[in-house]
């Protein structure tokens, strides 16, 4: 986040703090399976890409 440009930080902050009710249809695209969803997969991929995570896994 600290490395992002100011505009991207503002956009990201707006997304994170933009609390509103989402419909099940809007949220359904995030789910891969019954107990797995895209954001979880994205975080796992991101963690795996970090140098410290790769070193710890080796």
Protein backbone atom coordinates (compact mmCIF):
# COMPACT_ATOMS: atom_id res chain seq x y z
CA UNK A 1 0.00 0.00 0.00
CA UNK A 2 2.80 2.41 0.87
CA UNK A 3 4.39 1.85 -2.55
CA UNK A 4 1.19 2.69 -4.43
CA UNK A 5 0.62 6.10 -5.93
CA UNK A 6 -1.66 8.49 -4.05
CA UNK A 7 -4.55 7.99 -6.47
CA UNK A 8 -4.42 4.21 -6.07
CA UNK A 9 -4.23 4.49 -2.29
CA UNK A 10 -7.34 6.71 -2.29
CA UNK A 11 -9.20 4.27 -4.56
CA UNK A 12 -8.21 1.28 -2.43
CA UNK A 13 -9.21 3.09 0.76
CA UNK A 14 -12.56 3.96 -0.81
CA UNK A 15 -13.15 0.32 -1.71
CA UNK A 16 -12.22 -0.90 1.77
CA UNK A 17 -14.34 1.66 3.57
CA UNK A 18 -17.24 1.72 1.13
CA UNK A 19 -19.57 -0.24 3.33
CA UNK A 20 -22.85 -1.06 1.68
CA UNK A 21 -25.09 -4.06 1.30
CA UNK A 22 -24.17 -6.33 -1.56
CA UNK A 23 -26.68 -8.63 -3.22
CA UNK A 24 -26.02 -12.38 -3.31
CA UNK A 25 -25.75 -12.09 -7.09
CA UNK A 26 -22.96 -9.51 -6.80
CA UNK A 27 -21.07 -11.69 -4.33
CA UNK A 28 -21.61 -15.00 -6.11
CA UNK A 29 -18.86 -14.26 -8.64
CA UNK A 30 -16.31 -14.34 -5.80
CA UNK A 31 -16.94 -17.97 -4.92
CA UNK A 32 -15.01 -20.83 -6.52
CA UNK A 33 -16.56 -23.68 -4.54
CA UNK A 34 -18.67 -24.10 -1.44
CA UNK A 35 -15.90 -23.17 0.99
CA UNK A 36 -13.34 -21.42 -1.26
CA UNK A 37 -13.54 -17.96 -2.73
CA UNK A 38 -11.40 -15.87 -5.06
CA UNK A 39 -10.10 -13.35 -2.48
CA UNK A 40 -8.73 -16.23 -0.39
CA UNK A 41 -6.98 -17.65 -3.46
CA UNK A 42 -5.58 -14.23 -4.38
CA UNK A 43 -4.16 -13.78 -0.88
CA UNK A 44 -2.57 -17.24 -0.95
CA UNK A 45 -0.98 -16.49 -4.33
CA UNK A 46 0.28 -13.13 -3.09
CA UNK A 47 1.75 -14.64 0.09
CA UNK A 48 3.46 -17.32 -1.97
CA UNK A 49 5.03 -14.68 -4.15
CA UNK A 50 6.73 -12.92 -1.23
CA UNK A 51 10.47 -13.60 -0.89
CA UNK A 52 10.22 -14.49 2.81
CA UNK A 53 7.42 -16.97 2.14
CA UNK A 54 9.40 -18.68 -0.60
CA UNK A 55 12.47 -18.90 1.62
CA UNK A 56 10.46 -20.32 4.53
CA UNK A 57 8.84 -22.92 2.29
CA UNK A 58 12.22 -24.14 1.01
